[in-house]
Protein backbone atom coordinates (compact mmCIF):
# COMPACT_ATOMS: atom_id res chain seq x y z
CA UNK A 1 -18.50 31.23 13.24
CA UNK A 2 -16.25 31.32 15.60
CA UNK A 3 -15.58 32.05 19.24
CA UNK A 4 -15.40 35.23 21.62
CA UNK A 5 -14.62 33.38 24.67
CA UNK A 6 -15.21 35.17 28.02
CA UNK A 7 -13.95 33.60 31.62
CA UNK A 8 -15.11 34.78 34.79
CA UNK A 9 -13.73 34.56 38.61
CA UNK A 10 -13.29 30.53 37.15
CA UNK A 11 -11.76 28.47 40.17
CA UNK A 12 -10.71 24.58 40.38
CA UNK A 13 -10.26 22.67 43.71
CA UNK A 14 -9.21 18.82 44.42
CA UNK A 15 -10.69 18.52 47.69
CA UNK A 16 -8.37 20.82 49.77
CA UNK A 17 -6.27 21.52 46.58
CA UNK A 18 -6.76 24.74 45.17
CA UNK A 19 -5.45 24.58 41.04
CA UNK A 20 -7.01 27.89 39.87
CA UNK A 21 -8.31 30.87 42.60
CA UNK A 22 -10.49 33.44 40.62
CA UNK A 23 -9.03 33.23 37.01
CA UNK A 24 -10.67 36.10 34.69
CA UNK A 25 -9.94 36.05 30.83
CA UNK A 26 -11.09 37.09 27.82
CA UNK A 27 -10.32 35.66 24.30
CA UNK A 28 -11.06 37.18 20.92
CA UNK A 29 -13.43 35.66 18.58
CA UNK A 30 -10.42 34.45 15.89
CA UNK A 31 -7.25 35.03 18.56
CA UNK A 32 -4.39 32.90 19.49
CA UNK A 33 -3.83 32.87 22.96
CA UNK A 34 -1.19 30.85 24.09
CA UNK A 35 -1.69 29.19 28.04
CA UNK A 36 1.91 29.25 28.84
CA UNK A 37 3.48 28.46 32.32
CA UNK A 38 5.58 26.00 34.28
CA UNK A 39 4.27 22.60 35.21
CA UNK A 40 1.77 22.46 38.04
CA UNK A 41 0.70 26.01 37.28
CA UNK A 42 -2.85 25.28 36.08
CA UNK A 43 -2.86 26.12 31.80
CA UNK A 44 -3.68 22.12 31.46
CA UNK A 45 -6.37 22.61 33.59
CA UNK A 46 -8.07 25.62 32.30
CA UNK A 47 -8.21 24.17 29.03
CA UNK A 48 -9.90 21.14 30.28
CA UNK A 49 -12.58 23.23 32.03
CA UNK A 50 -13.08 25.21 28.20
CA UNK A 51 -13.43 21.74 26.54
CA UNK A 52 -15.85 20.41 29.48
CA UNK A 53 -13.65 17.49 30.26
CA UNK A 54 -12.72 19.46 33.85
CA UNK A 55 -16.12 20.50 36.25
CA UNK A 56 -16.05 24.66 37.11
CA UNK A 57 -16.26 24.73 40.91
CA UNK A 58 -16.99 28.18 40.80
CA UNK A 59 -17.35 30.90 38.47
CA UNK A 60 -19.16 31.31 34.41
CA UNK A 61 -17.67 30.06 31.39
CA UNK A 62 -19.19 31.25 28.02
CA UNK A 63 -19.01 31.07 24.40
CA UNK A 64 -20.90 34.08 22.11
CA UNK A 65 -22.32 35.18 25.23
CA UNK A 66 -23.66 31.80 26.51
CA UNK A 67 -22.88 30.02 29.53
CA UNK A 68 -20.80 26.42 28.50
CA UNK A 69 -19.49 25.89 31.84
CA UNK A 70 -22.99 23.50 32.24
CA UNK A 71 -22.61 21.77 28.97
CA UNK A 72 -21.44 18.34 28.62
CA UNK A 73 -18.51 18.56 26.03
CA UNK A 74 -20.18 17.50 23.06
CA UNK A 75 -22.53 20.42 23.03
CA UNK A 76 -19.61 23.20 23.11
CA UNK A 77 -18.93 22.80 19.10
CA UNK A 78 -15.04 23.16 20.57
CA UNK A 79 -12.62 20.19 19.26
CA UNK A 80 -9.52 19.21 21.43
CA UNK A 81 -5.85 18.32 20.33
CA UNK A 82 -4.04 16.00 23.06
CA UNK A 83 -0.83 15.73 23.57
CA UNK A 84 -0.98 11.86 22.68
CA UNK A 85 -2.19 11.22 19.08
CA UNK A 86 -5.36 9.18 20.17
CA UNK A 87 -5.33 7.66 16.42
CA UNK A 88 -7.00 4.61 16.57
CA UNK A 89 -4.90 2.21 15.03
CA UNK A 90 -6.68 -0.20 13.13
CA UNK A 91 -8.37 2.80 10.94
CA UNK A 92 -6.49 4.61 8.05
CA UNK A 93 -6.03 8.20 8.22
CA UNK A 94 -8.91 8.99 6.43
CA UNK A 95 -10.87 7.28 8.74
CA UNK A 96 -9.52 8.20 11.84
CA UNK A 97 -10.64 11.88 10.02
CA UNK A 98 -13.83 11.09 9.66
CA UNK A 99 -14.81 8.93 12.24
CA UNK A 100 -16.42 11.65 14.06
CA UNK A 101 -18.70 13.16 11.51
CA UNK A 102 -19.89 10.20 10.69
CA UNK A 103 -21.15 9.89 14.62
CA UNK A 104 -23.33 12.77 14.20
CA UNK A 105 -24.25 11.18 10.78
CA UNK A 106 -23.10 13.41 8.13
CA UNK A 107 -24.42 12.85 4.44
CA UNK A 108 -20.78 11.11 3.32
CA UNK A 109 -20.31 13.09 0.55
CA UNK A 110 -20.41 16.10 3.36
CA UNK A 111 -17.62 13.90 5.62
CA UNK A 112 -16.19 13.36 1.99
CA UNK A 113 -15.62 16.83 0.95
CA UNK A 114 -14.39 17.63 4.48
CA UNK A 115 -11.87 15.13 5.24
CA UNK A 116 -10.08 15.94 1.89
CA UNK A 117 -10.15 19.73 2.69
CA UNK A 118 -8.06 19.12 6.22
CA UNK A 119 -5.55 17.15 4.14
CA UNK A 120 -5.22 19.72 1.49
CA UNK A 121 -4.45 22.35 4.51
CA UNK A 122 -2.31 19.93 6.21
CA UNK A 123 -0.53 18.48 3.00
CA UNK A 124 -1.25 14.99 3.97
CA UNK A 125 -3.74 13.44 1.14
CA UNK A 126 -0.87 11.40 -0.22
CA UNK A 127 -1.42 9.76 4.06
CA UNK A 128 -4.89 9.15 3.71
CA UNK A 129 -5.14 5.41 2.73
CA UNK A 130 -2.30 4.37 5.48
CA UNK A 131 -2.50 3.31 9.01
CA UNK A 132 -1.03 5.51 12.06
CA UNK A 133 1.60 2.86 12.46
CA UNK A 134 2.68 3.05 9.20
CA UNK A 135 3.57 7.53 9.91
CA UNK A 136 5.79 9.21 11.27
CA UNK A 137 5.12 11.09 15.03
CA UNK A 138 4.88 14.66 12.78
CA UNK A 139 2.50 13.18 10.48
CA UNK A 140 0.12 11.84 13.19
CA UNK A 141 -0.21 15.08 15.28
CA UNK A 142 -1.27 16.40 11.59
CA UNK A 143 -3.52 13.56 11.40
CA UNK A 144 -4.73 14.73 14.84
CA UNK A 145 -4.66 18.09 13.42
CA UNK A 146 -7.00 17.15 11.24
CA UNK A 147 -9.60 15.12 13.17
CA UNK A 148 -9.93 18.47 14.85
CA UNK A 149 -10.21 20.59 11.58
CA UNK A 150 -12.65 18.64 10.04
CA UNK A 151 -15.81 19.52 12.73
CA UNK A 152 -15.58 23.13 12.02
CA UNK A 153 -15.90 23.95 15.64
CA UNK A 154 -15.88 27.33 17.10
CA UNK A 155 -12.64 26.89 18.68
CA UNK A 156 -9.52 24.63 18.66
CA UNK A 157 -7.48 24.01 21.84
CA UNK A 158 -4.58 22.50 21.74
CA UNK A 159 -2.84 20.11 24.67
CA UNK A 160 0.98 20.43 24.34
CA UNK A 161 0.76 19.17 21.00
CA UNK A 162 4.49 18.91 19.97
CA UNK A 163 5.52 17.51 23.21
CA UNK A 164 6.01 14.27 22.17
CA UNK A 165 8.20 15.40 18.69
CA UNK A 166 11.61 15.41 18.67
CA UNK A 167 13.67 19.23 18.35
CA UNK A 168 14.15 19.02 14.51
CA UNK A 169 10.26 17.92 14.18
CA UNK A 170 9.57 20.27 17.34
CA UNK A 171 10.45 23.20 14.82
CA UNK A 172 9.51 22.00 11.82
CA UNK A 173 5.81 21.19 12.99
CA UNK A 174 5.89 24.87 15.03
CA UNK A 175 5.99 26.11 11.43
CA UNK A 176 3.34 24.42 9.98
CA UNK A 177 0.95 25.09 12.85
CA UNK A 178 1.83 29.05 12.48
CA UNK A 179 0.82 28.60 8.36
CA UNK A 180 -2.08 26.28 9.21
CA UNK A 181 -3.24 29.24 11.63
CA UNK A 182 -3.21 31.44 8.75
CA UNK A 183 -5.04 29.07 6.57
CA UNK A 184 -8.18 28.26 9.16
CA UNK A 185 -9.59 31.28 10.85
CA UNK A 186 -11.03 30.10 13.89
CA UNK A 187 -10.69 30.94 17.93
CA UNK A 188 -7.16 28.77 18.86
CA UNK A 189 -6.14 28.29 22.24
CA UNK A 190 -2.86 26.49 22.80
CA UNK A 191 -1.11 25.28 26.24
CA UNK A 192 2.27 24.76 26.18
CA UNK A 193 5.50 25.32 28.73
CA UNK A 194 7.57 26.11 25.75
CA UNK A 195 8.38 30.14 25.68
CA UNK A 196 9.53 29.49 21.60
CA UNK A 197 6.33 28.31 21.01
CA UNK A 198 4.20 30.89 22.80
CA UNK A 199 6.34 33.97 21.08
CA UNK A 200 6.03 31.91 17.25
CA UNK A 201 2.42 31.34 17.76
CA UNK A 202 0.74 33.91 19.55
CA UNK A 203 -1.13 36.58 18.85
CA UNK A 204 -1.46 37.15 22.78
CA UNK A 205 0.33 35.03 26.00
CA UNK A 206 -1.35 34.17 28.89
CA UNK A 207 1.60 33.63 31.26
CA UNK A 208 0.16 31.81 34.25
CA UNK A 209 1.99 31.00 37.53
CA UNK A 210 0.57 29.04 41.47
CA UNK A 211 -2.81 29.20 40.46
CA UNK A 212 -3.23 32.71 38.93
CA UNK A 213 -2.35 34.77 35.76
CA UNK A 214 0.77 36.75 35.84
CA UNK A 215 0.39 38.76 32.58
CA UNK A 216 -1.49 38.83 29.78
CA UNK A 217 -0.14 40.42 26.60
CA UNK A 218 1.48 40.46 22.83
CA UNK A 219 4.52 38.18 22.92
CA UNK A 220 6.72 41.60 22.44
CA UNK A 221 5.05 43.15 24.76
CA UNK A 222 5.73 39.91 27.52
CA UNK A 223 9.22 39.86 26.87
CA UNK A 224 9.84 43.54 26.93
CA UNK A 225 7.75 44.93 29.51
CA UNK A 226 7.48 41.88 32.10
CA UNK A 227 4.94 41.94 34.97
CA UNK A 228 6.34 40.18 37.11
CA UNK A 229 10.34 38.66 38.07
CA UNK A 230 8.24 35.67 37.35
CA UNK A 231 7.75 36.63 34.02
CA UNK A 232 10.72 38.13 33.46
CA UNK A 233 12.60 34.82 34.39
CA UNK A 234 10.28 32.79 32.65
CA UNK A 235 10.42 33.83 29.35
CA UNK A 236 13.89 35.25 27.40
CA UNK A 237 16.79 33.47 27.13
CA UNK A 238 19.09 33.20 28.56
CA UNK A 239 16.69 34.45 31.45
CA UNK A 240 16.74 38.10 32.40
CA UNK A 241 19.91 39.17 34.70
CA UNK A 242 18.95 40.37 38.39
CA UNK A 243 21.26 42.45 40.31
CA UNK A 244 20.76 43.50 44.29
CA UNK A 245 21.00 47.08 44.04
CA UNK A 246 20.79 50.50 46.17
CA UNK A 247 18.62 53.34 45.06
CA UNK A 248 18.78 56.90 44.91
CA UNK A 249 16.95 59.59 42.51
CA UNK A 250 17.90 62.14 40.18
CA UNK A 251 15.77 64.44 38.25
CA UNK A 252 12.21 62.26 39.37
CA UNK A 253 14.50 58.96 37.74
CA UNK A 254 15.86 56.44 39.82
CA UNK A 255 19.51 55.22 40.15
CA UNK A 256 21.13 52.45 40.73
CA UNK A 257 23.98 51.53 42.56
CA UNK A 258 25.00 47.88 41.81
CA UNK A 259 26.61 45.12 44.16
CA UNK A 260 30.26 46.92 43.19
CA UNK A 261 29.76 50.39 43.88
CA UNK A 262 29.31 51.51 40.72
CA UNK A 263 26.15 53.29 39.68
CA UNK A 264 23.83 53.50 36.61
CA UNK A 265 20.95 55.67 35.39
CA UNK A 266 18.10 54.63 34.80
CA UNK A 267 14.57 56.07 32.75
CA UNK A 268 12.53 54.61 35.41
CA UNK A 269 10.82 57.29 37.26
CA UNK A 270 10.41 57.04 40.94
CA UNK A 271 7.30 58.06 41.52
CA UNK A 272 5.00 55.37 43.43
CA UNK A 273 8.60 52.96 43.93
CA UNK A 274 8.24 52.12 47.76
CA UNK A 275 9.93 49.28 50.04
CA UNK A 276 13.56 49.04 50.76
CA UNK A 277 15.07 45.54 48.57
CA UNK A 278 14.76 46.31 45.54
CA UNK A 279 16.37 44.23 42.30
CA UNK A 280 17.39 45.70 38.88
CA UNK A 281 16.58 43.59 35.85
CA UNK A 282 18.70 43.53 32.64
CA UNK A 283 19.14 40.92 29.63
CA UNK A 284 22.04 39.93 27.71
CA UNK A 285 20.98 42.73 24.60
CA UNK A 286 21.61 45.27 26.97
CA UNK A 287 25.33 44.24 28.74
CA UNK A 288 28.03 44.65 25.99
CA UNK A 289 31.33 44.73 25.83
CA UNK A 290 32.71 48.44 26.22
CA UNK A 291 36.36 50.58 26.26
CA UNK A 292 37.08 53.71 28.36
CA UNK A 293 34.25 56.02 29.53
CA UNK A 294 31.83 54.06 27.93
CA UNK A 295 32.10 51.31 30.80
CA UNK A 296 29.38 50.85 33.68
CA UNK A 297 31.00 47.99 35.70
CA UNK A 298 33.99 45.19 35.05
CA UNK A 299 34.11 41.57 35.51
CA UNK A 300 36.26 38.66 35.14
CA UNK A 301 34.24 35.95 32.61
CA UNK A 302 33.86 32.83 33.49
CA UNK A 303 31.62 30.84 30.87
CA UNK A 304 31.63 31.37 27.78
CA UNK A 305 28.80 30.21 24.94
CA UNK A 306 29.15 30.77 21.43
CA UNK A 307 25.64 30.68 20.26
CA UNK A 308 26.67 30.97 16.30
CA UNK A 309 25.41 34.82 15.84
CA UNK A 310 26.27 36.28 18.95
CA UNK A 311 28.18 34.82 22.25
CA UNK A 312 27.32 35.11 25.46
CA UNK A 313 29.72 36.34 28.64
CA UNK A 314 28.97 34.97 31.89
CA UNK A 315 30.46 37.42 33.67
CA UNK A 316 31.57 37.73 37.47
CA UNK A 317 31.55 41.00 38.66
CA UNK A 318 33.37 42.35 42.06
CA UNK A 319 31.22 41.39 44.79
CA UNK A 320 29.98 37.89 43.64
CA UNK A 321 27.26 38.59 41.30
CA UNK A 322 27.21 37.21 37.76
CA UNK A 323 25.72 38.87 34.63
CA UNK A 324 25.46 37.73 31.43
CA UNK A 325 26.17 39.85 28.76
CA UNK A 326 26.21 39.80 25.03
CA UNK A 327 28.74 39.64 22.42
CA UNK A 328 29.61 39.33 18.51
CA UNK A 329 29.92 35.46 17.07
CA UNK A 330 33.08 35.32 16.65
CA UNK A 331 34.05 37.06 19.93
CA UNK A 332 37.89 36.76 20.48
CA UNK A 333 37.14 36.72 24.25
CA UNK A 334 38.62 33.66 26.45
CA UNK A 335 37.59 32.28 29.78
CA UNK A 336 39.50 34.62 32.41
CA UNK A 337 39.24 37.77 30.73
CA UNK A 338 38.92 40.87 32.15
CA UNK A 339 36.26 42.78 30.33
CA UNK A 340 34.48 46.59 30.66
CA UNK A 341 31.27 46.33 30.39
CA UNK A 342 28.14 48.62 29.27
CA UNK A 343 24.52 48.41 30.79
CA UNK A 344 21.92 50.12 28.80
CA UNK A 345 19.97 51.98 31.38
CA UNK A 346 17.46 52.89 29.22
CA UNK A 347 16.85 49.49 28.91
CA UNK A 348 16.64 48.23 32.53
CA UNK A 349 13.48 46.94 34.86
CA UNK A 350 13.00 47.49 38.99
CA UNK A 351 11.64 44.84 40.99
CA UNK A 352 10.61 44.67 44.99
CA UNK A 353 11.04 42.71 47.01
CA UNK A 354 7.27 41.40 45.94
CA UNK A 355 8.34 40.70 42.53
CA UNK A 356 6.68 43.08 40.98
CA UNK A 357 8.31 45.65 38.06
CA UNK A 358 8.71 49.12 37.34
CA UNK A 359 9.43 50.02 34.09
CA UNK A 360 11.06 52.78 31.88
CA UNK A 361 7.38 54.79 31.93
CA UNK A 362 7.34 54.70 35.81
CA UNK A 363 4.33 52.53 35.83
CA UNK A 364 3.88 49.69 38.47
CA UNK A 365 2.47 46.25 37.81
CA UNK A 366 1.43 43.50 39.86
C-alpha cells in the first residue's frame, strides 16, 4: 500500500518564530513530490512533521484518511533518508540494511529476501559484506536508501540526500534516483534547494518561501508559468530577465514600454491587471540576436557566458537595464559589441509590485 497524504492548515512555531503558517497540501499515492526552496523556507521542517520528528502546532496530517500527526514516528509506516548517511560503522552493508527489520523481529528469511531485493535494485549486491568505511559517498547513500527500501513503507521521505556528494557524483546519483523511482512504486517526498534535482525528479514541485507555498505544479508548469516573481527568480538558469516597464493596451492585450523607450506587444490580456508599477519577465531563450526590422531593441554586450551548446550574452540597454540574451554555442559576438535583440512578446510574463504574475491567458496568480 502506498500513501495518499493530506496536510491541512499546518503551522509550526518555535517560541515567537513562525516557521510554517497555515500550510495545506495534497500528495497523491505513488507521486514523487519535491519541496523546493531556499534555506530557512520551512521545507525540511514540513518533512520532519510528516515523519513525526517535529510536532504539529496547528492543523492535521493524514495518510490514507487516518490522522498520523498524533502518532509516534515508528507507527506512521514511513521511511526517511537523511542528508547524513547515519550508517553504523561497525556493521556490514547487509547488517545496516537489516538492522531495523531485526528490531521488529521479522523472520530471518524475510529479512534476507528484502535485503537481497533492495541490493539488486540499487546494484550494491557486491558490497553487502563491506563496512561503510570501505565505501564511497555515493555507495553509502545507496545503502542508506536501501535501508529505507527494505522497510517497504507507505512513503519515502528524502531530506536533501545528495547535498554531501561532489558535483559529478550528485549528477550520477540523481540519475540513479530517477531510475529507482521507476522500480519502486511508492509515494516519495524529496527536499532540496537545487532546482535541477527538482526538475529532474519531480512529478510535481512545491515551491516554498517565507513560511508558505508559492506554487504547486509540474516542473514545466513551474518553469513556464511561474505564479510569482519569486518562483520566476528561483527556478531557471539563468534567472528570468526583469525589466521595469510602462503599460498600455492594444486590442485588449498589454503593450510594454521598455526602459529605453521601445515598445513590445505581448499576448497578456489586460483584464484584471491593476496597480501602477509593473515589470516584464522574459527568459533568455526568448531573447535572440536579430537583424533589421525583427529587432525590438539594442544594447552593448558586457559579459559573455559560453556554455558549449549555447552562449549567454549579458547586454546593457540604453537606460541602464541589463538583459540576458541567448545565442548559438559558437557565437561570434565579442564583449563591447552593439547587438540588436528580438524579444518574443508571446513568451513574456507580467509582474505587479507585489510580485504576482500574469501570463498569456490573462490569468493572475498570487
